[in-house]
C-alpha atoms as a PDB file:
ATOM      1  CA  MET A   1     -36.365  72.065 -47.452  1.00  0.00           C
ATOM      2  CA  THR A   2     -40.112  72.526 -47.703  1.00  0.00           C
ATOM      3  CA  THR A   3     -42.232  71.531 -50.696  1.00  0.00           C
ATOM      4  CA  SER A   4     -42.665  75.198 -51.559  1.00  0.00           C
ATOM      5  CA  GLN A   5     -38.905  75.798 -51.499  1.00  0.00           C
ATOM      6  CA  ARG A   6     -38.254  72.756 -53.689  1.00  0.00           C
ATOM      7  CA  SER A   7     -40.844  73.991 -56.166  1.00  0.00           C
ATOM      8  CA  GLY A   8     -39.275  77.441 -56.170  1.00  0.00           C
ATOM      9  CA  TRP A   9     -35.814  76.059 -56.954  1.00  0.00           C
ATOM     10  CA  ARG A  10     -37.311  73.816 -59.630  1.00  0.00           C
ATOM     11  CA  ARG A  11     -38.926  76.817 -61.330  1.00  0.00           C
ATOM     12  CA  LEU A  12     -35.700  78.827 -61.180  1.00  0.00           C
ATOM     13  CA  SER A  13     -33.694  75.907 -62.510  1.00  0.00           C
ATOM     14  CA  ALA A  14     -36.127  75.578 -65.403  1.00  0.00           C
ATOM     15  CA  GLU A  15     -35.755  79.271 -66.255  1.00  0.00           C
ATOM     16  CA  GLY A  16     -31.970  79.105 -66.078  1.00  0.00           C
ATOM     17  CA  VAL A  17     -31.672  75.934 -68.150  1.00  0.00           C
ATOM     18  CA  GLY A  18     -34.244  77.112 -70.669  1.00  0.00           C
ATOM     19  CA  THR A  19     -32.594  80.495 -71.182  1.00  0.00           C
ATOM     20  CA  PHE A  20     -29.226  78.751 -71.489  1.00  0.00           C
ATOM     21  CA  PHE A  21     -30.396  76.691 -74.444  1.00  0.00           C
ATOM     22  CA  LEU A  22     -32.234  79.610 -76.033  1.00  0.00           C
ATOM     23  CA  VAL A  23     -29.134  81.818 -75.962  1.00  0.00           C
ATOM     24  CA  LEU A  24     -26.895  78.916 -76.973  1.00  0.00           C
ATOM     25  CA  VAL A  25     -28.932  78.662 -80.190  1.00  0.00           C
ATOM     26  CA  ALA A  26     -29.712  82.364 -80.739  1.00  0.00           C
ATOM     27  CA  ALA A  27     -26.166  83.622 -80.152  1.00  0.00           C
ATOM     28  CA  GLY A  28     -24.576  80.380 -81.308  1.00  0.00           C
ATOM     29  CA  ALA A  29     -25.960  80.756 -84.809  1.00  0.00           C
ATOM     30  CA  GLY A  30     -23.847  83.873 -85.312  1.00  0.00           C
ATOM     31  CA  VAL A  31     -20.826  82.227 -83.733  1.00  0.00           C
ATOM     32  CA  VAL A  32     -21.022  79.099 -85.886  1.00  0.00           C
ATOM     33  CA  ASP A  33     -21.596  81.263 -88.958  1.00  0.00           C
ATOM     34  CA  GLY A  34     -18.363  83.092 -88.147  1.00  0.00           C
ATOM     35  CA  VAL A  35     -16.422  79.897 -87.490  1.00  0.00           C
ATOM     36  CA  THR A  36     -17.584  78.168 -90.673  1.00  0.00           C
ATOM     37  CA  GLY A  37     -17.241  81.132 -93.009  1.00  0.00           C
ATOM     38  CA  GLY A  38     -20.927  81.849 -93.505  1.00  0.00           C
ATOM     39  CA  GLN A  39     -22.427  78.349 -93.662  1.00  0.00           C
ATOM     40  CA  VAL A  40     -25.289  79.322 -91.343  1.00  0.00           C
ATOM     41  CA  GLY A  41     -27.547  81.537 -93.444  1.00  0.00           C
ATOM     42  CA  ARG A  42     -29.713  84.279 -91.989  1.00  0.00           C
ATOM     43  CA  PRO A  43     -32.989  82.353 -92.442  1.00  0.00           C
ATOM     44  CA  ALA A  44     -31.591  79.435 -90.444  1.00  0.00           C
ATOM     45  CA  ALA A  45     -30.136  81.756 -87.809  1.00  0.00           C
ATOM     46  CA  VAL A  46     -33.441  83.505 -87.139  1.00  0.00           C
ATOM     47  CA  VAL A  47     -35.681  80.446 -87.366  1.00  0.00           C
ATOM     48  CA  ALA A  48     -33.561  78.403 -84.946  1.00  0.00           C
ATOM     49  CA  PRO A  49     -34.445  80.462 -81.822  1.00  0.00           C
ATOM     50  CA  GLY A  50     -38.133  80.207 -82.665  1.00  0.00           C
ATOM     51  CA  LEU A  51     -37.880  76.433 -82.901  1.00  0.00           C
ATOM     52  CA  MET A  52     -35.943  76.305 -79.634  1.00  0.00           C
ATOM     53  CA  VAL A  53     -38.586  78.373 -77.832  1.00  0.00           C
ATOM     54  CA  LEU A  54     -41.280  76.076 -79.207  1.00  0.00           C
ATOM     55  CA  ALA A  55     -39.439  73.039 -77.828  1.00  0.00           C
ATOM     56  CA  LEU A  56     -38.752  74.709 -74.471  1.00  0.00           C
ATOM     57  CA  ILE A  57     -42.403  75.641 -73.925  1.00  0.00           C
ATOM     58  CA  TYR A  58     -43.312  71.990 -74.400  1.00  0.00           C
ATOM     59  CA  THR A  59     -40.498  70.967 -72.053  1.00  0.00           C
ATOM     60  CA  LEU A  60     -40.556  73.593 -69.296  1.00  0.00           C
ATOM     61  CA  GLY A  61     -43.925  75.335 -69.495  1.00  0.00           C
ATOM     62  CA  GLU A  62     -45.495  73.091 -66.873  1.00  0.00           C
ATOM     63  CA  THR A  63     -42.668  73.806 -64.435  1.00  0.00           C
ATOM     64  CA  SER A  64     -41.983  77.537 -64.654  1.00  0.00           C
ATOM     65  CA  GLY A  65     -44.254  78.981 -67.345  1.00  0.00           C
ATOM     66  CA  ALA A  66     -41.231  79.065 -69.728  1.00  0.00           C
ATOM     67  CA  HIS A  67     -40.663  82.834 -69.625  1.00  0.00           C
ATOM     68  CA  LEU A  68     -36.999  82.635 -70.790  1.00  0.00           C
ATOM     69  CA  ASN A  69     -36.882  86.424 -71.104  1.00  0.00           C
ATOM     70  CA  PRO A  70     -36.847  89.190 -68.458  1.00  0.00           C
ATOM     71  CA  ALA A  71     -39.289  91.234 -70.537  1.00  0.00           C
ATOM     72  CA  VAL A  72     -41.780  88.349 -70.525  1.00  0.00           C
ATOM     73  CA  THR A  73     -41.520  88.029 -66.753  1.00  0.00           C
ATOM     74  CA  MET A  74     -42.096  91.776 -66.353  1.00  0.00           C
ATOM     75  CA  ALA A  75     -45.111  91.650 -68.676  1.00  0.00           C
ATOM     76  CA  PHE A  76     -46.661  88.749 -66.777  1.00  0.00           C
ATOM     77  CA  ALA A  77     -46.141  90.560 -63.468  1.00  0.00           C
ATOM     78  CA  ALA A  78     -47.541  93.865 -64.731  1.00  0.00           C
ATOM     79  CA  ARG A  79     -50.542  92.050 -66.188  1.00  0.00           C
ATOM     80  CA  GLY A  80     -51.234  90.441 -62.795  1.00  0.00           C
ATOM     81  CA  HIS A  81     -50.402  86.874 -63.803  1.00  0.00           C
ATOM     82  CA  PHE A  82     -47.174  86.582 -61.835  1.00  0.00           C
ATOM     83  CA  PRO A  83     -46.126  87.703 -58.319  1.00  0.00           C
ATOM     84  CA  TRP A  84     -43.798  90.705 -58.313  1.00  0.00           C
ATOM     85  CA  ARG A  85     -41.865  89.168 -55.420  1.00  0.00           C
ATOM     86  CA  ARG A  86     -40.725  86.353 -57.733  1.00  0.00           C
ATOM     87  CA  VAL A  87     -39.554  88.650 -60.528  1.00  0.00           C
ATOM     88  CA  PRO A  88     -35.977  89.316 -59.262  1.00  0.00           C
ATOM     89  CA  ALA A  89     -35.221  85.609 -58.844  1.00  0.00           C
ATOM     90  CA  TYR A  90     -36.662  84.751 -62.269  1.00  0.00           C
ATOM     91  CA  VAL A  91     -34.649  87.510 -63.956  1.00  0.00           C
ATOM     92  CA  ALA A  92     -31.487  86.443 -62.112  1.00  0.00           C
ATOM     93  CA  ALA A  93     -31.979  82.839 -63.255  1.00  0.00           C
ATOM     94  CA  GLN A  94     -32.527  83.951 -66.845  1.00  0.00           C
ATOM     95  CA  LEU A  95     -29.413  86.136 -66.808  1.00  0.00           C
ATOM     96  CA  ALA A  96     -27.359  83.346 -65.266  1.00  0.00           C
ATOM     97  CA  GLY A  97     -28.472  80.913 -67.956  1.00  0.00           C
ATOM     98  CA  ALA A  98     -27.790  83.418 -70.732  1.00  0.00           C
ATOM     99  CA  ILE A  99     -24.320  84.287 -69.421  1.00  0.00           C
ATOM    100  CA  ALA A 100     -23.468  80.606 -69.024  1.00  0.00           C
ATOM    101  CA  ALA A 101     -24.431  79.972 -72.656  1.00  0.00           C
ATOM    102  CA  ALA A 102     -22.360  82.903 -73.894  1.00  0.00           C
ATOM    103  CA  GLY A 103     -19.477  81.683 -71.732  1.00  0.00           C
ATOM    104  CA  VAL A 104     -19.650  78.239 -73.317  1.00  0.00           C
ATOM    105  CA  LEU A 105     -19.604  79.783 -76.795  1.00  0.00           C
ATOM    106  CA  ARG A 106     -16.630  81.959 -75.849  1.00  0.00           C
ATOM    107  CA  ALA A 107     -14.754  78.975 -74.379  1.00  0.00           C
ATOM    108  CA  LEU A 108     -15.372  76.838 -77.465  1.00  0.00           C
ATOM    109  CA  PHE A 109     -14.923  79.367 -80.263  1.00  0.00           C
ATOM    110  CA  GLY A 110     -13.308  82.481 -78.798  1.00  0.00           C
ATOM    111  CA  THR A 111     -14.780  85.736 -80.042  1.00  0.00           C
ATOM    112  CA  ALA A 112     -15.886  84.330 -83.413  1.00  0.00           C
ATOM    113  CA  GLY A 113     -18.996  86.130 -84.607  1.00  0.00           C
ATOM    114  CA  GLN A 114     -18.557  88.520 -81.643  1.00  0.00           C
ATOM    115  CA  VAL A 115     -19.965  85.726 -79.451  1.00  0.00           C
ATOM    116  CA  GLY A 116     -23.308  86.200 -81.205  1.00  0.00           C
ATOM    117  CA  ALA A 117     -23.819  89.753 -79.972  1.00  0.00           C
ATOM    118  CA  THR A 118     -26.916  91.505 -81.310  1.00  0.00           C
ATOM    119  CA  ARG A 119     -26.219  94.314 -83.753  1.00  0.00           C
ATOM    120  CA  PRO A 120     -28.143  96.534 -86.159  1.00  0.00           C
ATOM    121  CA  GLY A 121     -27.783  96.283 -89.895  1.00  0.00           C
ATOM    122  CA  THR A 122     -25.095  98.376 -91.551  1.00  0.00           C
ATOM    123  CA  GLY A 123     -26.093 102.020 -91.791  1.00  0.00           C
ATOM    124  CA  ILE A 124     -29.338 101.623 -89.820  1.00  0.00           C
ATOM    125  CA  ASP A 125     -30.186 104.541 -87.541  1.00  0.00           C
ATOM    126  CA  THR A 126     -30.175 103.786 -83.799  1.00  0.00           C
ATOM    127  CA  GLY A 127     -33.577 105.387 -83.361  1.00  0.00           C
ATOM    128  CA  ALA A 128     -35.072 103.121 -86.008  1.00  0.00           C
ATOM    129  CA  VAL A 129     -33.519 100.077 -84.336  1.00  0.00           C
ATOM    130  CA  PHE A 130     -34.962 101.081 -80.961  1.00  0.00           C
ATOM    131  CA  ALA A 131     -38.423 101.696 -82.410  1.00  0.00           C
ATOM    132  CA  LEU A 132     -38.360  98.351 -84.195  1.00  0.00           C
ATOM    133  CA  GLU A 133     -37.302  96.471 -81.053  1.00  0.00           C
ATOM    134  CA  VAL A 134     -40.176  98.130 -79.177  1.00  0.00           C
ATOM    135  CA  LEU A 135     -42.683  97.157 -81.852  1.00  0.00           C
ATOM    136  CA  LEU A 136     -41.386  93.619 -82.239  1.00  0.00           C
ATOM    137  CA  SER A 137     -41.467  93.128 -78.473  1.00  0.00           C
ATOM    138  CA  LEU A 138     -44.967  94.589 -78.276  1.00  0.00           C
ATOM    139  CA  GLY A 139     -46.107  92.005 -80.796  1.00  0.00           C
ATOM    140  CA  LEU A 140     -44.297  89.168 -79.018  1.00  0.00           C
ATOM    141  CA  MET A 141     -45.727  90.065 -75.596  1.00  0.00           C
ATOM    142  CA  THR A 142     -49.210  90.420 -77.086  1.00  0.00           C
ATOM    143  CA  VAL A 143     -48.959  86.913 -78.508  1.00  0.00           C
ATOM    144  CA  ILE A 144     -47.642  85.537 -75.208  1.00  0.00           C
ATOM    145  CA  LEU A 145     -50.266  87.252 -73.059  1.00  0.00           C
ATOM    146  CA  GLY A 146     -52.996  86.217 -75.465  1.00  0.00           C
ATOM    147  CA  THR A 147     -52.036  82.555 -75.712  1.00  0.00           C
ATOM    148  CA  SER A 148     -51.515  82.178 -71.953  1.00  0.00           C
ATOM    149  CA  SER A 149     -55.299  82.148 -71.429  1.00  0.00           C
ATOM    150  CA  GLY A 150     -56.676  78.766 -70.447  1.00  0.00           C
ATOM    151  CA  ALA A 151     -53.243  77.364 -69.556  1.00  0.00           C
ATOM    152  CA  ARG A 152     -52.373  77.288 -73.258  1.00  0.00           C
ATOM    153  CA  ASN A 153     -48.913  78.654 -72.534  1.00  0.00           C
ATOM    154  CA  ILE A 154     -48.003  75.125 -71.468  1.00  0.00           C
ATOM    155  CA  GLY A 155     -49.529  73.480 -74.543  1.00  0.00           C
ATOM    156  CA  HIS A 156     -49.178  73.270 -78.277  1.00  0.00           C
ATOM    157  CA  ASN A 157     -51.136  76.430 -79.112  1.00  0.00           C
ATOM    158  CA  ALA A 158     -48.766  78.825 -77.352  1.00  0.00           C
ATOM    159  CA  ALA A 159     -45.632  76.920 -78.338  1.00  0.00           C
ATOM    160  CA  ILE A 160     -46.508  77.141 -82.024  1.00  0.00           C
ATOM    161  CA  ALA A 161     -47.732  80.743 -81.878  1.00  0.00           C
ATOM    162  CA  ILE A 162     -44.776  82.090 -79.896  1.00  0.00           C
ATOM    163  CA  GLY A 163     -42.122  80.105 -81.730  1.00  0.00           C
ATOM    164  CA  GLY A 164     -43.679  81.084 -85.042  1.00  0.00           C
ATOM    165  CA  TYR A 165     -43.764  84.768 -84.110  1.00  0.00           C
ATOM    166  CA  ILE A 166     -40.087  84.756 -83.100  1.00  0.00           C
ATOM    167  CA  ALA A 167     -39.081  83.126 -86.372  1.00  0.00           C
ATOM    168  CA  LEU A 168     -41.269  85.465 -88.427  1.00  0.00           C
ATOM    169  CA  ALA A 169     -39.961  88.577 -86.659  1.00  0.00           C
ATOM    170  CA  GLY A 170     -36.409  87.470 -87.313  1.00  0.00           C
ATOM    171  CA  LEU A 171     -37.033  86.728 -90.975  1.00  0.00           C
ATOM    172  CA  TRP A 172     -38.234  90.223 -91.832  1.00  0.00           C
ATOM    173  CA  ALA A 173     -36.662  92.413 -89.119  1.00  0.00           C
ATOM    174  CA  GLY A 174     -33.436  90.578 -88.332  1.00  0.00           C
ATOM    175  CA  PRO A 175     -31.428  92.468 -90.982  1.00  0.00           C
ATOM    176  CA  ILE A 176     -32.517  95.778 -89.415  1.00  0.00           C
ATOM    177  CA  SER A 177     -32.273  95.297 -85.641  1.00  0.00           C
ATOM    178  CA  GLY A 178     -31.266  91.691 -85.059  1.00  0.00           C
ATOM    179  CA  ALA A 179     -34.796  91.032 -83.718  1.00  0.00           C
ATOM    180  CA  SER A 180     -33.558  90.251 -80.209  1.00  0.00           C
ATOM    181  CA  MET A 181     -36.677  91.082 -78.148  1.00  0.00           C
ATOM    182  CA  ASN A 182     -34.818  89.657 -75.126  1.00  0.00           C
ATOM    183  CA  PRO A 183     -32.507  91.689 -72.841  1.00  0.00           C
ATOM    184  CA  ALA A 184     -30.792  88.560 -71.478  1.00  0.00           C
ATOM    185  CA  ARG A 185     -29.985  87.290 -74.969  1.00  0.00           C
ATOM    186  CA  SER A 186     -28.374  90.612 -75.969  1.00  0.00           C
ATOM    187  CA  LEU A 187     -26.572  91.349 -72.699  1.00  0.00           C
ATOM    188  CA  ALA A 188     -24.850  87.994 -72.188  1.00  0.00           C
ATOM    189  CA  PRO A 189     -22.556  87.994 -75.277  1.00  0.00           C
ATOM    190  CA  VAL A 190     -21.379  91.523 -74.445  1.00  0.00           C
ATOM    191  CA  LEU A 191     -20.517  90.534 -70.875  1.00  0.00           C
ATOM    192  CA  VAL A 192     -18.238  87.724 -72.078  1.00  0.00           C
ATOM    193  CA  GLY A 193     -16.404  89.789 -74.688  1.00  0.00           C
ATOM    194  CA  GLY A 194     -18.616  90.252 -77.722  1.00  0.00           C
ATOM    195  CA  HIS A 195     -19.229  93.612 -79.351  1.00  0.00           C
ATOM    196  CA  GLY A 196     -22.694  94.353 -80.684  1.00  0.00           C
ATOM    197  CA  GLY A 197     -24.810  97.404 -81.333  1.00  0.00           C
ATOM    198  CA  PRO A 198     -25.854 100.055 -78.782  1.00  0.00           C
ATOM    199  CA  LEU A 199     -26.682  97.883 -75.785  1.00  0.00           C
ATOM    200  CA  TRP A 200     -29.297 100.249 -74.320  1.00  0.00           C
ATOM    201  CA  VAL A 201     -31.500  99.656 -77.360  1.00  0.00           C
ATOM    202  CA  TYR A 202     -31.634  95.918 -76.701  1.00  0.00           C
ATOM    203  CA  LEU A 203     -32.161  96.305 -72.965  1.00  0.00           C
ATOM    204  CA  LEU A 204     -34.765  99.070 -72.994  1.00  0.00           C
ATOM    205  CA  GLY A 205     -36.633  98.281 -76.217  1.00  0.00           C
ATOM    206  CA  PRO A 206     -38.083  94.925 -75.103  1.00  0.00           C
ATOM    207  CA  LEU A 207     -39.055  96.342 -71.699  1.00  0.00           C
ATOM    208  CA  VAL A 208     -40.891  99.260 -73.296  1.00  0.00           C
ATOM    209  CA  GLY A 209     -42.636  96.861 -75.668  1.00  0.00           C
ATOM    210  CA  ALA A 210     -43.637  94.657 -72.737  1.00  0.00           C
ATOM    211  CA  GLY A 211     -45.014  97.668 -70.888  1.00  0.00           C
ATOM    212  CA  LEU A 212     -47.123  98.684 -73.868  1.00  0.00           C
ATOM    213  CA  ALA A 213     -48.468  95.153 -74.289  1.00  0.00           C
ATOM    214  CA  VAL A 214     -50.059  95.148 -70.825  1.00  0.00           C
ATOM    215  CA  PRO A 215     -52.715  97.856 -71.406  1.00  0.00           C
ATOM    216  CA  LEU A 216     -53.273  96.438 -74.886  1.00  0.00           C
ATOM    217  CA  ALA A 217     -54.041  93.067 -73.283  1.00  0.00           C
ATOM    218  CA  TRP A 218     -56.690  94.757 -71.121  1.00  0.00           C
ATOM    219  CA  VAL A 219     -58.261  96.233 -74.241  1.00  0.00           C
ATOM    220  CA  LEU A 220     -58.176  92.949 -76.152  1.00  0.00           C
ATOM    221  CA  ARG A 221     -58.915  90.453 -73.376  1.00  0.00           C
ATOM    222  CA  GLY A 222     -60.194  92.323 -70.319  1.00  0.00           C
ATOM    223  CA  PRO A 223     -59.055  91.586 -66.763  1.00  0.00           C
ATOM    224  CA  PRO A 224     -56.543  88.803 -66.073  1.00  0.00           C
ATOM    225  CA  SER A 225     -57.948  85.329 -65.470  1.00  0.00           C
ATOM    226  CA  ALA A 226     -56.977  82.640 -62.981  1.00  0.00           C
ATOM    227  CA  GLU A 227     -56.264  80.306 -65.906  1.00  0.00           C
ATOM    228  CA  ALA A 228     -53.757  82.738 -67.399  1.00  0.00           C
ATOM    229  CA  THR A 229     -52.116  83.127 -63.993  1.00  0.00           C
ATOM    230  CA  HIS A 230     -51.785  79.356 -63.846  1.00  0.00           C
ATOM    231  CA  ALA A 231     -50.127  79.333 -67.266  1.00  0.00           C
ATOM    232  CA  ALA A 232     -47.659  82.095 -66.357  1.00  0.00           C
ATOM    233  CA  GLN A 233     -46.544  80.404 -63.154  1.00  0.00           C
ATOM    234  CA  GLY A 234     -46.525  76.791 -64.354  1.00  0.00           C
ATOM    235  CA  THR A 235     -48.332  73.881 -62.784  1.00  0.00           C
ATOM    236  CA  ASP A 236     -45.585  72.752 -60.423  1.00  0.00           C
ATOM    237  CA  GLU A 237     -46.977  72.779 -56.867  1.00  0.00           C
ATOM    238  CA  MET A 238     -50.100  74.633 -57.942  1.00  0.00           C
ATOM    239  CA  GLY A 239     -52.467  71.953 -59.253  1.00  0.00           C
ATOM    240  CA  PRO A 240     -55.243  72.594 -61.777  1.00  0.00           C
ATOM    241  CA  PRO A 241     -56.114  76.273 -62.258  1.00  0.00           C
ATOM    242  CA  ASN A 242     -59.649  75.929 -60.898  1.00  0.00           C
ATOM    243  CA  GLU A 243     -58.190  74.843 -57.575  1.00  0.00           C
ATOM    244  CA  HIS A 244     -56.340  78.150 -57.237  1.00  0.00           C
ATOM    245  CA  PRO A 245     -58.757  80.970 -58.068  1.00  0.00           C
ATOM    246  CA  SER A 246     -56.943  83.614 -56.028  1.00  0.00           C
ATOM    247  CA  GLU A 247     -54.808  86.373 -57.457  1.00  0.00           C
ATOM    248  CA  PRO A 248     -51.136  85.525 -58.074  1.00  0.00           C
ATOM    249  CA  ASP A 249     -49.761  87.613 -55.211  1.00  0.00           C
ATOM    250  CA  SER A 250     -51.726  85.522 -52.708  1.00  0.00           C
ATOM    251  CA  ARG A 251     -50.012  82.277 -53.719  1.00  0.00           C
ATOM    252  CA  SER A 252     -47.370  80.675 -51.526  1.00  0.00           C
ATOM    253  CA  GLY A 253     -43.839  79.897 -52.658  1.00  0.00           C
END
């Protein structure tokens, strides 16, 4: 196996493992709440994924860029920070990690808490849920694209900003839409037997939000930089960003 192939598998492993732990916490909060009769309150349930993302950026950002979300990968690719040819493998790794986490929750606790499936608040209109998921995802992708400049997506600035945004979005919008912002997180519990809200909302909403964040990033920050490309792809195999000034699609691996 070549160095490039080893680096590619390392990046995919990082995405799979990272998404596993993110979904284990994000979906697991609802499961444990169901098992324990409500001992996990909503504030704890929505802050926990933000803290996990913060920790995972510190842990995995240097390896894979710590996307952990198909919508993030799509946003990075559309922005020009990430090669389109790597998108399918990244998304597959994220889905595999998410499904594995939901499978572990199902094996341990059955269908308690509907395996942590994402669902709207009682009586909330589907259209409002979709619009909110789009807006929340737009904000999340804007934060991610903004903090990736200067390789900060593998440092404390991005970890704090992104983790903080996820927690904040959950605190105020969780009772309305569940504040998923991640197709893998919402799809996995359904695939292993959970029953949530209208699944299309949680698959399409984050992707639409990611798409809207890309032109907004051009308005706010101008053309993509080599440093941001470095942050989106991780440092594994690539070296310091100033050693790789080319566009992402010209990189090997």
